[in-house]
Amino acid sequence: MDPTIDPFAQFLVTLQEFWTIAITFLAGVIQPGWKQNQIIIIVVVALLAWLLHARSGAMLQDWVRSREGWEKWQLRMVVQIKRRLGLVWFCLIAGIVFVVMQNLTWPSRSYMVGLAAQLAFVWLCIAFAARLVRNRPMRRLVTWSLWIYGTLYLLNVSDEAASFLDRLAVEVGEFRLSALTMITSVVVIGVLVTLARIASTATASTIRKNEDISPSMKVLAVKGVQLGMYGIAFYMGVKAVGIDLTGLAVLSGAIGVGLGFGLQKVVSNLVSGVIILLDKSIKPGDVISLGETFGWIQTLGARYASVVTRDGKEYLIPNEDLITGQVVNWSHSNDFVRLDIYFGTAYGDDPHKVRRLAIEAASSVDRVLSHKAAVCHIVGFGDSSVDYILRFWIKDPTAGLTNIRGNVYLALWDIFQENNISIPFPQREVRMLGGRGSDISQLILD
């Protein structure tokens, strides 16, 4: 761009050029001739495509309803095809008409029909390709940007449009930001981020299927791949549009110092999450206890771990608490868990018989392991009972601990009832002594 020319004057010159092109085209269409005939042919093809869209859309919908067992992505693809059946029919019919006209008349008499077919085909391809962008606002922005660029390119006015957008710029000293740079950066970064997402998803799927990698390392590897892919995509997108990042080094350093003080907990949780994944102390599927929270790890995030309890509650525990707090991992090295329950019997019951019956009761309960024998020991002589501890093993702590303890207590109750073993409870006697007791009773009655 020539700096000696006023940007506003350049803007007016560009608008005048576009206006001249548009007036010339409309003048050629209004006059009878092949330009007008081609416009009429394009309109007829568009109406025919619209009619076929309504008819074929209903047929496609009825055909899909008659099918069963389709995956979600297949149904989504059918929905997208149904929405764009009119454009598909227009591409097909306009292409056929263009080929026929090329063979029956001069090529100059059918170039507008061919151009319309090419435009429709490009729009159709962009519409399907843009579905790879998951973010809806970003997908719409990428779609419209590519549609506009494809249209201008096929109309052979892309250079003029680029020059026009480049003139719409903001300049502050040596810094210059134009509309062309902004649009190009958004489109390029959007495309690169989409490609990075596809690549990271495919890589993550391969990592998750590898049985030789531990669950915690799978999570770490997937997050590392995603971070690396998105970082490279953003860097390449910024460099591709010519934005210099060196000027942001000092600013980013200052921002980093401020964020370091304000986001200490966030950074601590991020570092703690990496440590957890590296030392494999906690991994998805483990059963843990942290304070009064008991449940299994569902996911390990960058900032927190998701713990689901037996009652369906989901706790989001910061990673720092899992590092600094006392955590009981019921399935860290293996799935075997020993449980203890306490009970007491009367002094008149044979302790040898009580121990044997208690072990028999525990062994009869489902989920109690038979190859790791239960044991029962006397742990003390209480005021009203002989106190015992019964120890047994299970292998499925995720199925709950309270319910298995309750089942063992119920089995003890049943077997003690069958064998006349009594479970004592404290009893107290109140003895009233002489006249003093009578005086107190009279005082209470008064």
Protein backbone atom coordinates (compact mmCIF):
# COMPACT_ATOMS: atom_id res chain seq x y z
CA MET A 1 0.00 0.00 0.00
CA ASP A 2 1.32 3.41 -0.94
CA PRO A 3 1.66 5.47 2.30
CA THR A 4 1.33 8.74 0.40
CA ILE A 5 -2.29 8.01 -0.52
CA ASP A 6 -5.08 8.68 1.95
CA PRO A 7 -6.56 5.34 3.20
CA PHE A 8 -10.09 6.74 2.97
CA ALA A 9 -9.49 7.75 -0.65
CA GLN A 10 -8.23 4.25 -1.40
CA PHE A 11 -11.36 2.85 0.22
CA LEU A 12 -13.57 4.99 -2.03
CA VAL A 13 -11.62 3.95 -5.13
CA THR A 14 -12.08 0.29 -4.26
CA LEU A 15 -15.82 0.71 -3.72
CA GLN A 16 -16.08 2.48 -7.06
CA GLU A 17 -14.31 -0.42 -8.80
CA PHE A 18 -16.71 -2.95 -7.30
CA TRP A 19 -19.68 -0.78 -8.21
CA THR A 20 -18.51 -0.53 -11.83
CA ILE A 21 -18.15 -4.31 -12.09
CA ALA A 22 -21.62 -4.84 -10.64
CA ILE A 23 -23.27 -2.30 -12.98
CA THR A 24 -21.55 -3.83 -16.01
CA PHE A 25 -22.75 -7.30 -15.07
CA LEU A 26 -26.34 -6.17 -14.49
CA ALA A 27 -26.38 -4.33 -17.80
CA GLY A 28 -25.34 -7.48 -19.61
CA VAL A 29 -28.02 -9.54 -17.84
CA ILE A 30 -30.86 -7.12 -18.58
CA GLN A 31 -30.23 -7.12 -22.30
CA PRO A 32 -31.58 -10.15 -24.20
CA GLY A 33 -28.86 -12.63 -25.06
CA TRP A 34 -26.97 -15.62 -23.72
CA LYS A 35 -26.15 -13.96 -20.41
CA GLN A 36 -29.82 -13.51 -19.74
CA ASN A 37 -30.53 -17.06 -20.96
CA GLN A 38 -27.94 -18.49 -18.58
CA ILE A 39 -29.46 -16.59 -15.67
CA ILE A 40 -32.87 -18.02 -16.56
CA ILE A 41 -31.38 -21.53 -16.78
CA ILE A 42 -29.76 -21.11 -13.34
CA VAL A 43 -33.06 -19.94 -11.80
CA VAL A 44 -34.94 -22.91 -13.34
CA VAL A 45 -32.30 -25.33 -12.05
CA ALA A 46 -32.57 -23.77 -8.58
CA LEU A 47 -36.38 -24.19 -8.55
CA LEU A 48 -36.08 -27.79 -9.72
CA ALA A 49 -33.46 -28.50 -7.02
CA TRP A 50 -35.77 -26.99 -4.39
CA LEU A 51 -38.66 -29.25 -5.45
CA LEU A 52 -36.43 -32.32 -5.47
CA HIS A 53 -35.08 -31.34 -2.05
CA ALA A 54 -38.53 -31.49 -0.47
CA ARG A 55 -39.41 -34.79 -2.14
CA SER A 56 -36.11 -36.60 -1.65
CA GLY A 57 -35.82 -35.32 1.95
CA ALA A 58 -39.07 -37.05 2.91
CA MET A 59 -37.96 -40.26 1.16
CA LEU A 60 -34.58 -40.19 2.93
CA GLN A 61 -36.27 -39.65 6.30
CA ASP A 62 -38.62 -42.61 5.77
CA TRP A 63 -35.69 -44.81 4.68
CA VAL A 64 -33.64 -43.92 7.76
CA ARG A 65 -36.58 -44.66 10.09
CA SER A 66 -36.79 -48.17 8.64
CA ARG A 67 -33.18 -48.86 9.66
CA GLU A 68 -32.08 -49.95 13.15
CA GLY A 69 -28.82 -50.05 15.03
CA TRP A 70 -27.22 -47.00 13.43
CA GLU A 71 -24.45 -45.19 15.26
CA LYS A 72 -24.90 -41.56 16.35
CA TRP A 73 -22.31 -40.26 13.89
CA GLN A 74 -24.16 -41.99 11.03
CA LEU A 75 -27.45 -40.35 12.04
CA ARG A 76 -25.75 -36.95 12.30
CA MET A 77 -24.30 -37.40 8.82
CA VAL A 78 -27.73 -38.26 7.41
CA VAL A 79 -29.19 -35.13 9.06
CA GLN A 80 -26.50 -32.95 7.47
CA ILE A 81 -27.08 -34.53 4.05
CA LYS A 82 -30.85 -34.02 4.38
CA ARG A 83 -30.37 -30.32 5.15
CA ARG A 84 -28.25 -29.83 2.04
CA LEU A 85 -30.10 -32.01 -0.45
CA GLY A 86 -31.17 -28.92 -2.39
CA LEU A 87 -27.54 -27.88 -2.88
CA VAL A 88 -26.63 -31.45 -3.84
CA TRP A 89 -29.37 -31.54 -6.47
CA PHE A 90 -28.35 -28.10 -7.78
CA CYS A 91 -24.71 -29.22 -8.19
CA LEU A 92 -25.78 -32.38 -10.00
CA ILE A 93 -28.33 -30.79 -12.34
CA ALA A 94 -26.24 -27.67 -13.06
CA GLY A 95 -23.23 -29.86 -13.82
CA ILE A 96 -25.19 -31.98 -16.26
CA VAL A 97 -26.65 -28.88 -17.96
CA PHE A 98 -23.19 -27.35 -18.22
CA VAL A 99 -21.71 -30.47 -19.85
CA VAL A 100 -24.59 -30.65 -22.33
CA MET A 101 -24.28 -26.97 -23.23
CA GLN A 102 -20.53 -27.30 -23.67
CA ASN A 103 -21.12 -29.95 -26.34
CA LEU A 104 -24.08 -28.27 -28.06
CA THR A 105 -23.05 -24.61 -28.20
CA TRP A 106 -20.10 -22.26 -27.73
CA PRO A 107 -18.29 -22.45 -24.37
CA SER A 108 -18.87 -18.72 -23.83
CA ARG A 109 -22.60 -19.37 -23.78
CA SER A 110 -22.43 -21.70 -20.76
CA TYR A 111 -19.67 -20.33 -18.54
CA MET A 112 -22.15 -18.75 -16.06
CA VAL A 113 -23.92 -22.09 -15.61
CA GLY A 114 -20.56 -23.76 -15.03
CA LEU A 115 -19.59 -21.03 -12.58
CA ALA A 116 -22.84 -21.54 -10.64
CA ALA A 117 -22.20 -25.29 -10.52
CA GLN A 118 -18.65 -24.73 -9.26
CA LEU A 119 -19.86 -22.27 -6.61
CA ALA A 120 -22.52 -24.68 -5.38
CA PHE A 121 -20.00 -27.53 -5.22
CA VAL A 122 -17.48 -25.43 -3.28
CA TRP A 123 -20.18 -24.28 -0.84
CA LEU A 124 -21.29 -27.88 -0.35
CA CYS A 125 -17.75 -29.09 0.37
CA ILE A 126 -17.15 -26.21 2.81
CA ALA A 127 -20.43 -26.93 4.62
CA PHE A 128 -19.47 -30.58 5.22
CA ALA A 129 -15.84 -29.81 6.07
CA ALA A 130 -16.85 -27.14 8.59
CA ARG A 131 -18.65 -29.80 10.65
CA LEU A 132 -15.23 -30.81 11.93
CA VAL A 133 -15.18 -27.58 13.98
CA ARG A 134 -17.10 -28.38 17.16
CA ASN A 135 -17.44 -24.86 18.52
CA ARG A 136 -20.60 -23.45 16.95
CA PRO A 137 -19.62 -19.74 16.74
CA MET A 138 -16.18 -20.68 15.42
CA ARG A 139 -17.75 -23.10 12.91
CA ARG A 140 -20.07 -20.40 11.58
CA LEU A 141 -17.22 -17.92 11.31
CA VAL A 142 -15.01 -20.40 9.45
CA THR A 143 -17.87 -21.45 7.18
CA TRP A 144 -18.86 -17.94 6.16
CA SER A 145 -15.24 -16.87 5.71
CA LEU A 146 -14.49 -19.81 3.44
CA TRP A 147 -17.74 -19.31 1.52
CA ILE A 148 -16.91 -15.67 0.89
CA TYR A 149 -13.32 -16.43 -0.07
CA GLY A 150 -14.35 -19.29 -2.37
CA THR A 151 -16.95 -17.11 -4.07
CA LEU A 152 -14.54 -14.23 -4.61
CA TYR A 153 -11.86 -16.60 -5.86
CA LEU A 154 -14.14 -18.22 -8.43
CA LEU A 155 -15.37 -14.79 -9.52
CA ASN A 156 -11.72 -13.79 -10.00
CA VAL A 157 -11.98 -10.79 -7.67
CA SER A 158 -10.15 -12.23 -4.67
CA ASP A 159 -7.13 -9.97 -5.16
CA GLU A 160 -9.28 -6.86 -5.23
CA ALA A 161 -11.17 -8.00 -2.11
CA ALA A 162 -7.92 -8.78 -0.30
CA SER A 163 -6.56 -5.36 -1.21
CA PHE A 164 -9.78 -3.75 0.03
CA LEU A 165 -9.65 -5.57 3.41
CA ASP A 166 -5.97 -4.81 3.79
CA ARG A 167 -6.73 -1.10 3.51
CA LEU A 168 -9.11 -1.34 6.48
CA ALA A 169 -6.35 -1.21 9.07
CA VAL A 170 -5.48 0.32 12.42
CA GLU A 171 -1.94 1.71 12.71
CA VAL A 172 -0.23 2.68 15.97
CA GLY A 173 3.41 3.49 15.40
CA GLU A 174 4.98 0.46 13.75
CA PHE A 175 2.05 -1.74 14.72
CA ARG A 176 -0.50 -2.35 11.97
CA LEU A 177 -3.59 -4.57 12.19
CA SER A 178 -5.83 -4.90 9.13
CA ALA A 179 -9.17 -6.60 8.64
CA LEU A 180 -7.50 -9.03 6.24
CA THR A 181 -4.99 -10.07 8.90
CA MET A 182 -7.71 -10.61 11.50
CA ILE A 183 -9.91 -12.70 9.20
CA THR A 184 -6.94 -14.72 7.93
CA SER A 185 -5.67 -15.40 11.44
CA VAL A 186 -9.08 -16.58 12.69
CA VAL A 187 -9.58 -18.91 9.72
CA VAL A 188 -6.04 -20.30 9.78
CA ILE A 189 -6.03 -20.83 13.54
CA GLY A 190 -9.50 -22.41 13.38
CA VAL A 191 -8.43 -24.85 10.67
CA LEU A 192 -5.17 -25.72 12.44
CA VAL A 193 -6.91 -26.18 15.81
CA THR A 194 -9.47 -28.47 14.14
CA LEU A 195 -6.69 -30.54 12.56
CA ALA A 196 -4.94 -30.64 15.94
CA ARG A 197 -8.15 -31.84 17.61
CA ILE A 198 -8.59 -34.62 15.04
CA ALA A 199 -4.96 -35.69 15.41
CA SER A 200 -5.07 -35.57 19.22
CA THR A 201 -8.35 -37.52 19.31
CA ALA A 202 -6.91 -40.25 17.10
CA THR A 203 -3.72 -40.37 19.15
CA ALA A 204 -5.66 -40.44 22.43
CA SER A 205 -7.80 -43.31 21.17
CA THR A 206 -4.65 -45.28 20.30
CA ILE A 207 -3.13 -44.57 23.72
CA ARG A 208 -6.28 -45.65 25.58
CA LYS A 209 -6.37 -48.95 23.68
CA ASN A 210 -2.79 -49.80 24.68
CA GLU A 211 -3.05 -52.25 27.57
CA ASP A 212 0.68 -51.99 28.39
CA ILE A 213 0.27 -48.41 29.66
CA SER A 214 -1.08 -47.81 33.15
CA PRO A 215 -4.31 -45.78 33.54
CA SER A 216 -2.51 -42.82 35.12
CA MET A 217 0.12 -42.71 32.37
CA LYS A 218 -2.64 -42.88 29.77
CA VAL A 219 -4.25 -39.77 31.26
CA LEU A 220 -0.89 -37.97 31.37
CA ALA A 221 0.02 -38.99 27.81
CA VAL A 222 -3.38 -37.91 26.43
CA LYS A 223 -3.20 -34.51 28.16
CA GLY A 224 0.39 -34.03 26.97
CA VAL A 225 -0.53 -34.83 23.38
CA GLN A 226 -3.53 -32.49 23.47
CA LEU A 227 -1.53 -29.64 25.00
CA GLY A 228 1.29 -30.11 22.49
CA MET A 229 -1.02 -30.34 19.48
CA TYR A 230 -3.06 -27.26 20.39
CA GLY A 231 0.05 -25.27 21.29
CA ILE A 232 1.71 -26.06 17.97
CA ALA A 233 -1.50 -25.25 16.07
CA PHE A 234 -1.85 -21.85 17.76
CA TYR A 235 1.84 -21.00 17.23
CA MET A 236 1.76 -22.03 13.57
CA GLY A 237 -1.47 -20.10 12.99
CA VAL A 238 -0.07 -16.91 14.50
CA LYS A 239 3.19 -17.23 12.55
CA ALA A 240 1.33 -18.07 9.33
CA VAL A 241 -0.44 -14.70 9.32
CA GLY A 242 2.76 -12.81 10.06
CA ILE A 243 2.10 -11.68 13.64
CA ASP A 244 5.38 -11.04 15.50
CA LEU A 245 5.35 -12.60 18.97
CA THR A 246 8.63 -11.15 20.19
CA GLY A 247 6.96 -7.94 21.23
CA LEU A 248 4.72 -9.87 23.59
CA ALA A 249 7.63 -11.39 25.56
CA VAL A 250 7.98 -8.54 28.08
CA LEU A 251 4.22 -8.19 28.47
CA SER A 252 3.75 -11.92 28.96
CA GLY A 253 6.52 -11.93 31.57
CA ALA A 254 4.84 -9.20 33.58
CA ILE A 255 1.49 -10.93 33.31
CA GLY A 256 3.11 -14.19 34.38
CA VAL A 257 4.47 -12.61 37.58
CA GLY A 258 1.04 -11.23 38.44
CA LEU A 259 -0.67 -14.51 37.72
CA GLY A 260 1.93 -16.33 39.80
CA PHE A 261 0.80 -14.46 42.92
CA GLY A 262 -2.89 -14.52 42.14
CA LEU A 263 -3.16 -18.11 40.95
CA GLN A 264 -0.96 -19.95 43.43
CA LYS A 265 -3.65 -22.49 44.26
CA VAL A 266 -4.42 -23.12 40.59
CA VAL A 267 -0.75 -23.66 39.77
CA SER A 268 -0.35 -25.85 42.84
CA ASN A 269 -3.27 -28.02 41.73
CA LEU A 270 -1.85 -28.28 38.21
CA VAL A 271 1.57 -29.37 39.48
CA SER A 272 -0.03 -31.77 41.96
CA GLY A 273 -2.04 -33.31 39.13
CA VAL A 274 1.13 -33.96 37.14
CA ILE A 275 2.81 -35.51 40.22
CA ILE A 276 -0.17 -37.79 40.83
CA LEU A 277 -0.05 -39.01 37.24
CA LEU A 278 3.70 -39.58 37.35
CA ASP A 279 3.98 -41.43 40.69
CA LYS A 280 0.83 -43.50 39.98
CA SER A 281 -0.33 -43.16 43.58
CA ILE A 282 -3.90 -42.54 42.44
CA LYS A 283 -5.39 -43.59 39.14
CA PRO A 284 -8.87 -43.77 37.60
CA GLY A 285 -10.85 -46.64 39.09
CA ASP A 286 -9.11 -46.61 42.51
CA VAL A 287 -11.23 -46.64 45.65
CA ILE A 288 -10.12 -43.96 48.12
CA SER A 289 -11.11 -42.44 51.44
CA LEU A 290 -10.35 -38.80 52.18
CA GLY A 291 -11.84 -37.60 55.43
CA GLU A 292 -15.51 -38.58 55.37
CA THR A 293 -15.51 -39.03 51.59
CA PHE A 294 -15.39 -42.61 50.36
CA GLY A 295 -15.69 -43.45 46.66
CA TRP A 296 -13.83 -44.32 43.51
CA ILE A 297 -11.86 -42.09 41.18
CA GLN A 298 -13.85 -41.46 38.02
CA THR A 299 -11.56 -38.97 36.25
CA LEU A 300 -8.31 -37.15 36.93
CA GLY A 301 -8.45 -33.58 35.69
CA ALA A 302 -5.80 -30.90 35.43
CA ARG A 303 -7.12 -29.14 38.55
CA TYR A 304 -9.18 -31.70 40.45
CA ALA A 305 -10.07 -35.37 40.75
CA SER A 306 -13.67 -36.54 40.39
CA VAL A 307 -14.66 -38.96 43.19
CA VAL A 308 -18.06 -40.69 42.96
CA THR A 309 -19.53 -42.07 46.20
CA ARG A 310 -21.93 -44.94 46.70
CA ASP A 311 -24.91 -42.57 47.01
CA GLY A 312 -24.21 -41.05 43.59
CA LYS A 313 -22.62 -37.82 44.81
CA GLU A 314 -19.65 -36.58 42.79
CA TYR A 315 -16.97 -34.74 44.74
CA LEU A 316 -14.43 -32.56 42.92
CA ILE A 317 -11.37 -32.83 45.16
CA PRO A 318 -8.45 -30.46 44.39
CA ASN A 319 -5.28 -32.29 43.43
CA GLU A 320 -3.36 -30.49 46.16
CA ASP A 321 -5.51 -32.16 48.83
CA LEU A 322 -4.65 -35.57 47.40
CA ILE A 323 -0.93 -34.75 47.68
CA THR A 324 -0.82 -33.05 51.09
CA GLY A 325 -3.67 -34.87 52.84
CA GLN A 326 -3.86 -38.39 54.25
CA VAL A 327 -5.56 -40.48 51.59
CA VAL A 328 -6.53 -44.13 52.02
CA ASN A 329 -6.25 -45.92 48.68
CA TRP A 330 -8.11 -49.17 49.07
CA SER A 331 -6.88 -50.54 45.73
CA HIS A 332 -3.42 -49.02 45.29
CA SER A 333 -1.27 -52.17 45.01
CA ASN A 334 -4.07 -54.77 44.84
CA ASP A 335 -7.82 -55.12 45.23
CA PHE A 336 -7.73 -57.15 48.47
CA VAL A 337 -9.21 -55.31 51.47
CA ARG A 338 -9.46 -56.60 55.04
CA LEU A 339 -12.41 -55.46 57.13
CA ASP A 340 -12.80 -55.64 60.93
CA ILE A 341 -16.00 -55.79 62.96
CA TYR A 342 -16.34 -55.90 66.73
CA PHE A 343 -18.91 -57.72 68.85
CA GLY A 344 -19.34 -59.16 72.31
CA THR A 345 -20.97 -62.24 73.92
CA ALA A 346 -21.96 -63.17 77.45
CA TYR A 347 -19.42 -64.54 79.92
CA GLY A 348 -21.37 -67.78 80.11
CA ASP A 349 -20.78 -68.65 76.42
CA ASP A 350 -17.82 -70.81 75.42
CA PRO A 351 -15.29 -68.49 73.65
CA HIS A 352 -13.93 -71.35 71.52
CA LYS A 353 -17.42 -72.03 70.20
CA VAL A 354 -18.05 -68.30 69.66
CA ARG A 355 -14.87 -67.93 67.59
CA ARG A 356 -15.73 -70.96 65.47
CA LEU A 357 -19.31 -69.78 64.84
CA ALA A 358 -18.15 -66.24 63.99
CA ILE A 359 -15.70 -67.53 61.35
CA GLU A 360 -18.42 -69.80 59.96
CA ALA A 361 -20.87 -66.88 59.76
CA ALA A 362 -18.40 -64.64 57.93
CA SER A 363 -17.47 -67.37 55.44
CA SER A 364 -21.15 -67.90 54.55
CA VAL A 365 -21.58 -64.29 53.29
CA ASP A 366 -21.20 -63.51 49.61
CA ARG A 367 -18.21 -61.35 48.62
CA VAL A 368 -16.17 -62.66 51.57
CA LEU A 369 -13.15 -64.47 50.14
CA SER A 370 -12.85 -68.14 51.01
CA HIS A 371 -9.18 -68.59 50.06
CA LYS A 372 -8.17 -65.87 52.56
CA ALA A 373 -9.63 -67.34 55.73
CA ALA A 374 -11.45 -65.17 58.24
CA VAL A 375 -10.10 -65.03 61.81
CA CYS A 376 -11.67 -64.16 65.14
CA HIS A 377 -9.79 -63.13 68.32
CA ILE A 378 -10.64 -62.08 71.85
CA VAL A 379 -9.61 -58.48 72.37
CA GLY A 380 -10.73 -57.89 75.96
CA PHE A 381 -13.01 -58.60 78.89
CA GLY A 382 -15.56 -55.83 79.15
CA ASP A 383 -17.97 -54.87 81.94
CA SER A 384 -20.82 -56.90 80.46
CA SER A 385 -19.30 -59.06 77.72
CA VAL A 386 -16.30 -60.83 76.28
CA ASP A 387 -15.15 -58.63 73.37
CA TYR A 388 -14.11 -60.11 70.00
CA ILE A 389 -12.78 -58.86 66.66
CA LEU A 390 -13.73 -60.64 63.44
CA ARG A 391 -11.49 -60.08 60.41
CA PHE A 392 -12.31 -61.10 56.83
CA TRP A 393 -11.20 -60.21 53.29
CA ILE A 394 -13.02 -58.92 50.21
CA LYS A 395 -11.84 -58.10 46.68
CA ASP A 396 -14.45 -55.61 45.48
CA PRO A 397 -14.38 -52.47 47.66
CA THR A 398 -16.12 -50.56 44.86
CA ALA A 399 -19.27 -52.53 45.69
CA GLY A 400 -19.36 -50.90 49.13
CA LEU A 401 -18.08 -51.55 52.64
CA THR A 402 -21.06 -50.73 54.85
CA ASN A 403 -23.30 -53.28 53.12
CA ILE A 404 -20.80 -56.15 53.52
CA ARG A 405 -20.29 -55.32 57.19
CA GLY A 406 -24.06 -55.29 57.67
CA ASN A 407 -24.40 -58.69 56.00
CA VAL A 408 -21.73 -60.18 58.27
CA TYR A 409 -23.40 -58.73 61.38
CA LEU A 410 -26.71 -60.24 60.22
CA ALA A 411 -25.05 -63.63 59.68
CA LEU A 412 -23.59 -63.44 63.23
CA TRP A 413 -27.02 -62.66 64.63
CA ASP A 414 -28.61 -65.63 62.86
CA ILE A 415 -25.94 -68.16 63.83
CA PHE A 416 -25.85 -66.94 67.45
CA GLN A 417 -29.65 -67.30 67.69
CA GLU A 418 -29.44 -70.85 66.36
CA ASN A 419 -26.75 -71.84 68.89
CA ASN A 420 -28.09 -69.96 71.93
CA ILE A 421 -25.22 -67.50 72.05
CA SER A 422 -26.37 -64.34 73.81
CA ILE A 423 -25.26 -60.81 73.05
CA PRO A 424 -25.39 -58.95 76.40
CA PHE A 425 -26.17 -55.31 76.98
CA PRO A 426 -25.48 -53.13 80.03
CA GLN A 427 -28.04 -53.37 82.88
CA ARG A 428 -28.28 -51.12 85.97
CA GLU A 429 -30.07 -51.63 89.32
CA VAL A 430 -31.37 -48.75 91.46
CA ARG A 431 -31.76 -49.72 95.13
CA MET A 432 -33.72 -47.48 97.51
CA LEU A 433 -32.18 -47.60 101.05
CA GLY A 434 -34.33 -47.19 104.24
CA GLY A 435 -36.31 -44.12 105.20
CA ARG A 436 -34.05 -41.78 103.31
CA GLY A 437 -35.32 -43.30 100.06
CA SER A 438 -38.91 -42.87 101.29
CA ASP A 439 -38.27 -39.23 102.16
CA ILE A 440 -36.83 -38.60 98.72
CA SER A 441 -39.80 -40.34 97.07
CA GLN A 442 -42.23 -38.23 99.12
CA LEU A 443 -40.29 -35.09 98.22
CA ILE A 444 -40.51 -35.96 94.51
CA LEU A 445 -44.26 -36.63 94.80
CA ASP A 446 -44.79 -33.31 96.57
